[in-house]
Amino acid sequence: MNEFYLFTVLLITLPDLVTLKVCEYRDSCSCVFDDGSGMIDLASLARTDGMPLFQDQSSTADLFLYSYNPCKSFDEGTCTSVSACQYDPYLYVYYEIGSQNHVTFNVDGSNVVAIYASDDGARSTHVTLVCDTNPNSPPSVTVTGEGAQTNYYMQVTAPQLCAVPAPAGWGGGGLSGGSVLLIM
Protein backbone atom coordinates (compact mmCIF):
# COMPACT_ATOMS: atom_id res chain seq x y z
CA MET A 1 0.00 0.00 0.00
CA ASN A 2 2.85 2.40 0.79
CA GLU A 3 4.33 1.88 -2.69
CA PHE A 4 0.98 2.71 -4.27
CA TYR A 5 0.71 5.90 -2.22
CA LEU A 6 4.26 6.99 -3.12
CA PHE A 7 3.65 6.23 -6.80
CA THR A 8 0.42 8.27 -6.76
CA VAL A 9 2.11 11.26 -5.09
CA LEU A 10 4.98 11.16 -7.59
CA LEU A 11 2.56 10.87 -10.51
CA ILE A 12 0.60 13.90 -9.32
CA THR A 13 3.62 16.09 -8.55
CA LEU A 14 5.98 14.97 -11.34
CA PRO A 15 4.70 17.45 -13.97
CA ASP A 16 5.42 20.33 -11.58
CA LEU A 17 8.85 18.99 -10.66
CA VAL A 18 9.89 18.42 -14.27
CA THR A 19 9.03 22.01 -15.23
CA LEU A 20 10.95 23.62 -12.39
CA LYS A 21 12.86 26.55 -13.78
CA VAL A 22 15.41 28.68 -12.01
CA CYS A 23 16.65 32.13 -12.94
CA GLU A 24 20.20 32.23 -11.59
CA TYR A 25 21.45 35.55 -10.21
CA ARG A 26 23.95 37.10 -12.64
CA ASP A 27 24.05 40.60 -11.18
CA SER A 28 21.58 42.98 -9.54
CA CYS A 29 20.03 43.70 -12.96
CA SER A 30 19.80 40.27 -14.52
CA CYS A 31 19.33 36.56 -14.10
CA VAL A 32 19.90 33.62 -16.45
CA PHE A 33 17.52 30.69 -16.85
CA ASP A 34 19.15 27.42 -15.87
CA ASP A 35 17.57 25.57 -18.80
CA GLY A 36 19.44 27.66 -21.38
CA SER A 37 16.32 29.51 -22.56
CA GLY A 38 17.91 32.94 -22.08
CA MET A 39 18.02 35.67 -19.50
CA ILE A 40 16.05 38.59 -18.12
CA ASP A 41 17.95 41.88 -18.11
CA LEU A 42 16.46 44.96 -16.43
CA ALA A 43 19.29 47.34 -17.41
CA SER A 44 17.47 48.89 -20.37
CA LEU A 45 14.56 49.87 -18.09
CA ALA A 46 16.65 51.62 -15.44
CA ARG A 47 16.71 55.37 -15.22
CA THR A 48 20.22 56.61 -14.60
CA ASP A 49 19.41 60.23 -13.70
CA GLY A 50 18.71 59.52 -10.02
CA MET A 51 14.94 59.40 -10.55
CA PRO A 52 12.78 56.26 -10.34
CA LEU A 53 11.31 54.67 -13.48
CA PHE A 54 7.93 54.73 -11.73
CA GLN A 55 7.36 57.50 -9.18
CA ASP A 56 4.53 57.90 -6.67
CA GLN A 57 2.33 55.20 -8.15
CA SER A 58 -1.02 54.54 -6.47
CA SER A 59 -1.78 51.13 -5.02
CA THR A 60 -4.87 49.01 -5.59
CA ALA A 61 -4.85 47.83 -1.96
CA ASP A 62 -3.80 50.74 0.25
CA LEU A 63 -3.46 54.54 0.34
CA PHE A 64 0.33 54.72 0.01
CA LEU A 65 2.31 55.79 -3.04
CA TYR A 66 5.15 53.67 -4.40
CA SER A 67 8.28 54.39 -6.44
CA TYR A 68 10.55 51.86 -8.14
CA ASN A 69 13.67 51.81 -10.30
CA PRO A 70 15.61 48.67 -11.29
CA CYS A 71 19.41 48.52 -11.38
CA LYS A 72 20.16 52.07 -10.26
CA SER A 73 19.37 53.45 -6.82
CA PHE A 74 17.44 56.68 -6.35
CA ASP A 75 16.67 59.13 -3.55
CA GLU A 76 13.15 60.29 -2.65
CA GLY A 77 12.31 62.08 0.58
CA THR A 78 14.10 60.19 3.35
CA CYS A 79 14.55 57.11 1.15
CA THR A 80 18.21 57.21 0.12
CA SER A 81 19.95 54.85 -2.29
CA VAL A 82 16.89 52.63 -2.74
CA SER A 83 15.27 50.59 -5.48
CA ALA A 84 11.78 50.88 -3.96
CA CYS A 85 10.19 53.47 -1.68
CA GLN A 86 6.78 53.75 -0.03
CA TYR A 87 5.33 57.18 0.76
CA ASP A 88 2.51 57.91 3.19
CA PRO A 89 0.94 61.13 1.80
CA TYR A 90 -1.12 61.68 4.96
CA LEU A 91 1.71 61.46 7.48
CA TYR A 92 4.42 62.67 5.05
CA VAL A 93 6.62 59.67 5.86
CA TYR A 94 8.87 57.68 3.50
CA TYR A 95 9.85 54.04 4.00
CA GLU A 96 12.66 52.17 2.27
CA ILE A 97 11.09 48.95 1.02
CA GLY A 98 13.87 47.61 -1.19
CA SER A 99 17.56 48.06 -1.89
CA GLN A 100 19.58 47.40 -5.03
CA ASN A 101 22.14 45.75 -2.74
CA HIS A 102 19.77 42.91 -1.81
CA VAL A 103 18.13 41.50 -4.97
CA THR A 104 17.13 37.89 -5.62
CA PHE A 105 15.25 36.36 -8.53
CA ASN A 106 12.58 33.65 -8.40
CA VAL A 107 10.44 32.09 -11.10
CA ASP A 108 6.69 32.10 -10.54
CA GLY A 109 4.92 30.29 -13.35
CA SER A 110 6.03 31.95 -16.58
CA ASN A 111 7.29 35.15 -14.90
CA VAL A 112 10.40 36.12 -13.01
CA VAL A 113 9.95 37.91 -9.69
CA ALA A 114 12.70 40.29 -8.57
CA ILE A 115 12.70 40.56 -4.77
CA TYR A 116 14.37 43.59 -3.21
CA ALA A 117 15.00 43.44 0.54
CA SER A 118 15.51 46.66 2.49
CA ASP A 119 18.98 47.32 3.89
CA ASP A 120 17.74 46.58 7.42
CA GLY A 121 15.98 43.40 6.24
CA ALA A 122 12.66 44.54 7.72
CA ARG A 123 10.77 44.95 4.41
CA SER A 124 10.83 43.51 0.91
CA THR A 125 9.32 44.42 -2.44
CA HIS A 126 8.31 41.69 -4.88
CA VAL A 127 8.28 42.90 -8.50
CA THR A 128 6.72 40.47 -10.97
CA LEU A 129 8.38 40.99 -14.36
CA VAL A 130 5.98 40.43 -17.27
CA CYS A 131 7.05 40.20 -20.90
CA ASP A 132 4.99 42.38 -23.26
CA THR A 133 5.37 40.95 -26.77
CA ASN A 134 4.39 44.26 -28.39
CA PRO A 135 7.79 45.95 -28.97
CA ASN A 136 6.19 49.41 -29.06
CA SER A 137 4.51 49.23 -25.65
CA PRO A 138 5.84 51.56 -22.97
CA PRO A 139 6.73 50.05 -19.58
CA SER A 140 3.78 49.98 -17.18
CA VAL A 141 3.32 49.18 -13.52
CA THR A 142 0.46 47.91 -11.41
CA VAL A 143 1.04 48.33 -7.69
CA THR A 144 -0.82 46.01 -5.35
CA GLY A 145 0.93 47.53 -2.34
CA GLU A 146 1.33 45.91 1.04
CA GLY A 147 0.24 42.29 1.11
CA ALA A 148 1.54 40.31 4.02
CA GLN A 149 2.94 42.70 6.60
CA THR A 150 6.17 44.35 5.41
CA ASN A 151 5.92 42.68 1.98
CA TYR A 152 5.02 44.90 -0.96
CA TYR A 153 3.93 43.81 -4.43
CA MET A 154 3.93 45.27 -7.90
CA GLN A 155 3.95 44.06 -11.48
CA VAL A 156 5.99 45.67 -14.24
CA THR A 157 5.10 44.89 -17.85
CA ALA A 158 7.45 45.82 -20.70
CA PRO A 159 8.94 44.45 -23.93
CA GLN A 160 12.38 44.73 -22.27
CA LEU A 161 11.31 41.98 -19.84
CA CYS A 162 11.13 39.28 -22.49
CA ALA A 163 13.91 36.69 -22.31
CA VAL A 164 16.95 37.40 -24.47
CA PRO A 165 19.86 35.08 -25.30
CA ALA A 166 22.25 34.62 -22.39
CA PRO A 167 25.96 35.35 -22.75
CA ALA A 168 28.20 32.38 -23.50
CA GLY A 169 28.91 30.31 -20.41
CA TRP A 170 25.63 31.18 -18.65
CA GLY A 171 22.67 28.86 -18.28
CA GLY A 172 21.91 25.41 -19.49
CA GLY A 173 24.96 23.87 -17.86
CA GLY A 174 23.38 22.13 -14.90
CA LEU A 175 20.66 19.61 -14.28
CA SER A 176 17.15 20.82 -13.57
CA GLY A 177 15.18 19.60 -10.55
CA GLY A 178 13.08 17.42 -12.85
CA SER A 179 16.18 15.83 -14.41
CA VAL A 180 17.56 14.97 -10.97
CA LEU A 181 14.23 13.39 -10.01
CA LEU A 182 14.12 11.31 -13.18
CA ILE A 183 17.65 10.07 -12.62
CA MET A 184 16.75 9.08 -9.06
C-alpha atoms as a PDB file:
ATOM      1  CA  MET A   1       0.000   0.000   0.000  1.00  0.00           C
ATOM      2  CA  ASN A   2       2.853   2.403   0.785  1.00  0.00           C
ATOM      3  CA  GLU A   3       4.335   1.875  -2.694  1.00  0.00           C
ATOM      4  CA  PHE A   4       0.983   2.709  -4.274  1.00  0.00           C
ATOM      5  CA  TYR A   5       0.714   5.896  -2.221  1.00  0.00           C
ATOM      6  CA  LEU A   6       4.261   6.989  -3.123  1.00  0.00           C
ATOM      7  CA  PHE A   7       3.646   6.232  -6.804  1.00  0.00           C
ATOM      8  CA  THR A   8       0.417   8.273  -6.759  1.00  0.00           C
ATOM      9  CA  VAL A   9       2.107  11.259  -5.087  1.00  0.00           C
ATOM     10  CA  LEU A  10       4.979  11.162  -7.592  1.00  0.00           C
ATOM     11  CA  LEU A  11       2.561  10.865 -10.507  1.00  0.00           C
ATOM     12  CA  ILE A  12       0.602  13.896  -9.325  1.00  0.00           C
ATOM     13  CA  THR A  13       3.624  16.093  -8.550  1.00  0.00           C
ATOM     14  CA  LEU A  14       5.980  14.969 -11.342  1.00  0.00           C
ATOM     15  CA  PRO A  15       4.705  17.450 -13.972  1.00  0.00           C
ATOM     16  CA  ASP A  16       5.415  20.334 -11.577  1.00  0.00           C
ATOM     17  CA  LEU A  17       8.847  18.991 -10.664  1.00  0.00           C
ATOM     18  CA  VAL A  18       9.891  18.425 -14.268  1.00  0.00           C
ATOM     19  CA  THR A  19       9.029  22.007 -15.229  1.00  0.00           C
ATOM     20  CA  LEU A  20      10.950  23.624 -12.386  1.00  0.00           C
ATOM     21  CA  LYS A  21      12.863  26.546 -13.776  1.00  0.00           C
ATOM     22  CA  VAL A  22      15.409  28.683 -12.007  1.00  0.00           C
ATOM     23  CA  CYS A  23      16.647  32.132 -12.939  1.00  0.00           C
ATOM     24  CA  GLU A  24      20.204  32.232 -11.591  1.00  0.00           C
ATOM     25  CA  TYR A  25      21.453  35.547 -10.213  1.00  0.00           C
ATOM     26  CA  ARG A  26      23.949  37.096 -12.640  1.00  0.00           C
ATOM     27  CA  ASP A  27      24.052  40.599 -11.176  1.00  0.00           C
ATOM     28  CA  SER A  28      21.583  42.985  -9.545  1.00  0.00           C
ATOM     29  CA  CYS A  29      20.029  43.701 -12.963  1.00  0.00           C
ATOM     30  CA  SER A  30      19.801  40.270 -14.521  1.00  0.00           C
ATOM     31  CA  CYS A  31      19.328  36.559 -14.100  1.00  0.00           C
ATOM     32  CA  VAL A  32      19.904  33.624 -16.448  1.00  0.00           C
ATOM     33  CA  PHE A  33      17.524  30.687 -16.848  1.00  0.00           C
ATOM     34  CA  ASP A  34      19.147  27.417 -15.869  1.00  0.00           C
ATOM     35  CA  ASP A  35      17.571  25.575 -18.797  1.00  0.00           C
ATOM     36  CA  GLY A  36      19.441  27.662 -21.379  1.00  0.00           C
ATOM     37  CA  SER A  37      16.317  29.512 -22.560  1.00  0.00           C
ATOM     38  CA  GLY A  38      17.907  32.941 -22.079  1.00  0.00           C
ATOM     39  CA  MET A  39      18.017  35.666 -19.498  1.00  0.00           C
ATOM     40  CA  ILE A  40      16.047  38.594 -18.122  1.00  0.00           C
ATOM     41  CA  ASP A  41      17.947  41.882 -18.109  1.00  0.00           C
ATOM     42  CA  LEU A  42      16.460  44.962 -16.432  1.00  0.00           C
ATOM     43  CA  ALA A  43      19.295  47.339 -17.412  1.00  0.00           C
ATOM     44  CA  SER A  44      17.472  48.892 -20.367  1.00  0.00           C
ATOM     45  CA  LEU A  45      14.557  49.875 -18.091  1.00  0.00           C
ATOM     46  CA  ALA A  46      16.649  51.618 -15.444  1.00  0.00           C
ATOM     47  CA  ARG A  47      16.708  55.374 -15.220  1.00  0.00           C
ATOM     48  CA  THR A  48      20.222  56.614 -14.605  1.00  0.00           C
ATOM     49  CA  ASP A  49      19.414  60.234 -13.701  1.00  0.00           C
ATOM     50  CA  GLY A  50      18.707  59.522 -10.022  1.00  0.00           C
ATOM     51  CA  MET A  51      14.939  59.395 -10.550  1.00  0.00           C
ATOM     52  CA  PRO A  52      12.778  56.258 -10.342  1.00  0.00           C
ATOM     53  CA  LEU A  53      11.306  54.673 -13.482  1.00  0.00           C
ATOM     54  CA  PHE A  54       7.933  54.733 -11.732  1.00  0.00           C
ATOM     55  CA  GLN A  55       7.362  57.500  -9.177  1.00  0.00           C
ATOM     56  CA  ASP A  56       4.526  57.903  -6.669  1.00  0.00           C
ATOM     57  CA  GLN A  57       2.325  55.198  -8.148  1.00  0.00           C
ATOM     58  CA  SER A  58      -1.021  54.543  -6.466  1.00  0.00           C
ATOM     59  CA  SER A  59      -1.783  51.133  -5.023  1.00  0.00           C
ATOM     60  CA  THR A  60      -4.872  49.012  -5.591  1.00  0.00           C
ATOM     61  CA  ALA A  61      -4.848  47.828  -1.960  1.00  0.00           C
ATOM     62  CA  ASP A  62      -3.802  50.743   0.249  1.00  0.00           C
ATOM     63  CA  LEU A  63      -3.465  54.536   0.337  1.00  0.00           C
ATOM     64  CA  PHE A  64       0.330  54.717   0.014  1.00  0.00           C
ATOM     65  CA  LEU A  65       2.314  55.793  -3.042  1.00  0.00           C
ATOM     66  CA  TYR A  66       5.153  53.667  -4.402  1.00  0.00           C
ATOM     67  CA  SER A  67       8.276  54.391  -6.441  1.00  0.00           C
ATOM     68  CA  TYR A  68      10.554  51.860  -8.139  1.00  0.00           C
ATOM     69  CA  ASN A  69      13.670  51.808 -10.300  1.00  0.00           C
ATOM     70  CA  PRO A  70      15.609  48.673 -11.289  1.00  0.00           C
ATOM     71  CA  CYS A  71      19.407  48.518 -11.378  1.00  0.00           C
ATOM     72  CA  LYS A  72      20.157  52.073 -10.263  1.00  0.00           C
ATOM     73  CA  SER A  73      19.367  53.451  -6.819  1.00  0.00           C
ATOM     74  CA  PHE A  74      17.438  56.684  -6.351  1.00  0.00           C
ATOM     75  CA  ASP A  75      16.668  59.132  -3.553  1.00  0.00           C
ATOM     76  CA  GLU A  76      13.151  60.293  -2.650  1.00  0.00           C
ATOM     77  CA  GLY A  77      12.313  62.077   0.577  1.00  0.00           C
ATOM     78  CA  THR A  78      14.096  60.191   3.354  1.00  0.00           C
ATOM     79  CA  CYS A  79      14.549  57.106   1.148  1.00  0.00           C
ATOM     80  CA  THR A  80      18.211  57.209   0.121  1.00  0.00           C
ATOM     81  CA  SER A  81      19.955  54.853  -2.290  1.00  0.00           C
ATOM     82  CA  VAL A  82      16.895  52.635  -2.737  1.00  0.00           C
ATOM     83  CA  SER A  83      15.268  50.587  -5.480  1.00  0.00           C
ATOM     84  CA  ALA A  84      11.782  50.883  -3.959  1.00  0.00           C
ATOM     85  CA  CYS A  85      10.190  53.472  -1.679  1.00  0.00           C
ATOM     86  CA  GLN A  86       6.777  53.752  -0.027  1.00  0.00           C
ATOM     87  CA  TYR A  87       5.325  57.180   0.762  1.00  0.00           C
ATOM     88  CA  ASP A  88       2.506  57.913   3.193  1.00  0.00           C
ATOM     89  CA  PRO A  89       0.944  61.132   1.798  1.00  0.00           C
ATOM     90  CA  TYR A  90      -1.121  61.681   4.957  1.00  0.00           C
ATOM     91  CA  LEU A  91       1.706  61.462   7.485  1.00  0.00           C
ATOM     92  CA  TYR A  92       4.419  62.672   5.050  1.00  0.00           C
ATOM     93  CA  VAL A  93       6.618  59.667   5.864  1.00  0.00           C
ATOM     94  CA  TYR A  94       8.867  57.683   3.504  1.00  0.00           C
ATOM     95  CA  TYR A  95       9.853  54.042   4.000  1.00  0.00           C
ATOM     96  CA  GLU A  96      12.656  52.174   2.266  1.00  0.00           C
ATOM     97  CA  ILE A  97      11.087  48.954   1.020  1.00  0.00           C
ATOM     98  CA  GLY A  98      13.874  47.613  -1.189  1.00  0.00           C
ATOM     99  CA  SER A  99      17.564  48.058  -1.891  1.00  0.00           C
ATOM    100  CA  GLN A 100      19.580  47.404  -5.026  1.00  0.00           C
ATOM    101  CA  ASN A 101      22.143  45.749  -2.738  1.00  0.00           C
ATOM    102  CA  HIS A 102      19.768  42.905  -1.806  1.00  0.00           C
ATOM    103  CA  VAL A 103      18.131  41.500  -4.967  1.00  0.00           C
ATOM    104  CA  THR A 104      17.132  37.895  -5.615  1.00  0.00           C
ATOM    105  CA  PHE A 105      15.248  36.365  -8.527  1.00  0.00           C
ATOM    106  CA  ASN A 106      12.583  33.653  -8.399  1.00  0.00           C
ATOM    107  CA  VAL A 107      10.444  32.089 -11.099  1.00  0.00           C
ATOM    108  CA  ASP A 108       6.693  32.104 -10.539  1.00  0.00           C
ATOM    109  CA  GLY A 109       4.922  30.287 -13.354  1.00  0.00           C
ATOM    110  CA  SER A 110       6.030  31.954 -16.578  1.00  0.00           C
ATOM    111  CA  ASN A 111       7.286  35.147 -14.900  1.00  0.00           C
ATOM    112  CA  VAL A 112      10.403  36.119 -13.007  1.00  0.00           C
ATOM    113  CA  VAL A 113       9.955  37.915  -9.688  1.00  0.00           C
ATOM    114  CA  ALA A 114      12.703  40.292  -8.571  1.00  0.00           C
ATOM    115  CA  ILE A 115      12.700  40.557  -4.772  1.00  0.00           C
ATOM    116  CA  TYR A 116      14.366  43.588  -3.210  1.00  0.00           C
ATOM    117  CA  ALA A 117      15.000  43.435   0.539  1.00  0.00           C
ATOM    118  CA  SER A 118      15.511  46.661   2.491  1.00  0.00           C
ATOM    119  CA  ASP A 119      18.976  47.317   3.889  1.00  0.00           C
ATOM    120  CA  ASP A 120      17.741  46.580   7.422  1.00  0.00           C
ATOM    121  CA  GLY A 121      15.976  43.402   6.243  1.00  0.00           C
ATOM    122  CA  ALA A 122      12.656  44.539   7.719  1.00  0.00           C
ATOM    123  CA  ARG A 123      10.773  44.947   4.413  1.00  0.00           C
ATOM    124  CA  SER A 124      10.825  43.507   0.914  1.00  0.00           C
ATOM    125  CA  THR A 125       9.321  44.417  -2.436  1.00  0.00           C
ATOM    126  CA  HIS A 126       8.309  41.690  -4.885  1.00  0.00           C
ATOM    127  CA  VAL A 127       8.277  42.900  -8.503  1.00  0.00           C
ATOM    128  CA  THR A 128       6.718  40.471 -10.974  1.00  0.00           C
ATOM    129  CA  LEU A 129       8.377  40.993 -14.361  1.00  0.00           C
ATOM    130  CA  VAL A 130       5.985  40.426 -17.268  1.00  0.00           C
ATOM    131  CA  CYS A 131       7.049  40.200 -20.904  1.00  0.00           C
ATOM    132  CA  ASP A 132       4.987  42.378 -23.261  1.00  0.00           C
ATOM    133  CA  THR A 133       5.366  40.948 -26.769  1.00  0.00           C
ATOM    134  CA  ASN A 134       4.393  44.261 -28.386  1.00  0.00           C
ATOM    135  CA  PRO A 135       7.788  45.947 -28.967  1.00  0.00           C
ATOM    136  CA  ASN A 136       6.187  49.413 -29.062  1.00  0.00           C
ATOM    137  CA  SER A 137       4.508  49.230 -25.651  1.00  0.00           C
ATOM    138  CA  PRO A 138       5.845  51.559 -22.966  1.00  0.00           C
ATOM    139  CA  PRO A 139       6.730  50.051 -19.580  1.00  0.00           C
ATOM    140  CA  SER A 140       3.777  49.981 -17.181  1.00  0.00           C
ATOM    141  CA  VAL A 141       3.325  49.181 -13.517  1.00  0.00           C
ATOM    142  CA  THR A 142       0.460  47.906 -11.407  1.00  0.00           C
ATOM    143  CA  VAL A 143       1.039  48.326  -7.688  1.00  0.00           C
ATOM    144  CA  THR A 144      -0.823  46.010  -5.354  1.00  0.00           C
ATOM    145  CA  GLY A 145       0.929  47.526  -2.336  1.00  0.00           C
ATOM    146  CA  GLU A 146       1.328  45.915   1.044  1.00  0.00           C
ATOM    147  CA  GLY A 147       0.237  42.289   1.114  1.00  0.00           C
ATOM    148  CA  ALA A 148       1.540  40.310   4.020  1.00  0.00           C
ATOM    149  CA  GLN A 149       2.935  42.700   6.604  1.00  0.00           C
ATOM    150  CA  THR A 150       6.167  44.354   5.412  1.00  0.00           C
ATOM    151  CA  ASN A 151       5.920  42.675   1.983  1.00  0.00           C
ATOM    152  CA  TYR A 152       5.022  44.899  -0.961  1.00  0.00           C
ATOM    153  CA  TYR A 153       3.932  43.811  -4.426  1.00  0.00           C
ATOM    154  CA  MET A 154       3.927  45.274  -7.904  1.00  0.00           C
ATOM    155  CA  GLN A 155       3.947  44.058 -11.478  1.00  0.00           C
ATOM    156  CA  VAL A 156       5.994  45.675 -14.239  1.00  0.00           C
ATOM    157  CA  THR A 157       5.096  44.888 -17.853  1.00  0.00           C
ATOM    158  CA  ALA A 158       7.450  45.821 -20.700  1.00  0.00           C
ATOM    159  CA  PRO A 159       8.944  44.447 -23.927  1.00  0.00           C
ATOM    160  CA  GLN A 160      12.377  44.734 -22.267  1.00  0.00           C
ATOM    161  CA  LEU A 161      11.312  41.980 -19.844  1.00  0.00           C
ATOM    162  CA  CYS A 162      11.128  39.275 -22.492  1.00  0.00           C
ATOM    163  CA  ALA A 163      13.913  36.690 -22.305  1.00  0.00           C
ATOM    164  CA  VAL A 164      16.949  37.401 -24.470  1.00  0.00           C
ATOM    165  CA  PRO A 165      19.861  35.081 -25.302  1.00  0.00           C
ATOM    166  CA  ALA A 166      22.252  34.618 -22.393  1.00  0.00           C
ATOM    167  CA  PRO A 167      25.964  35.350 -22.750  1.00  0.00           C
ATOM    168  CA  ALA A 168      28.198  32.377 -23.499  1.00  0.00           C
ATOM    169  CA  GLY A 169      28.905  30.309 -20.412  1.00  0.00           C
ATOM    170  CA  TRP A 170      25.633  31.177 -18.649  1.00  0.00           C
ATOM    171  CA  GLY A 171      22.666  28.862 -18.284  1.00  0.00           C
ATOM    172  CA  GLY A 172      21.912  25.407 -19.490  1.00  0.00           C
ATOM    173  CA  GLY A 173      24.961  23.875 -17.859  1.00  0.00           C
ATOM    174  CA  GLY A 174      23.379  22.127 -14.898  1.00  0.00           C
ATOM    175  CA  LEU A 175      20.655  19.605 -14.278  1.00  0.00           C
ATOM    176  CA  SER A 176      17.145  20.819 -13.569  1.00  0.00           C
ATOM    177  CA  GLY A 177      15.185  19.598 -10.551  1.00  0.00           C
ATOM    178  CA  GLY A 178      13.077  17.422 -12.852  1.00  0.00           C
ATOM    179  CA  SER A 179      16.181  15.829 -14.407  1.00  0.00           C
ATOM    180  CA  VAL A 180      17.560  14.974 -10.974  1.00  0.00           C
ATOM    181  CA  LEU A 181      14.234  13.390 -10.008  1.00  0.00           C
ATOM    182  CA  LEU A 182      14.118  11.310 -13.181  1.00  0.00           C
ATOM    183  CA  ILE A 183      17.651  10.074 -12.618  1.00  0.00           C
ATOM    184  CA  MET A 184      16.748   9.077  -9.057  1.00  0.00           C
END
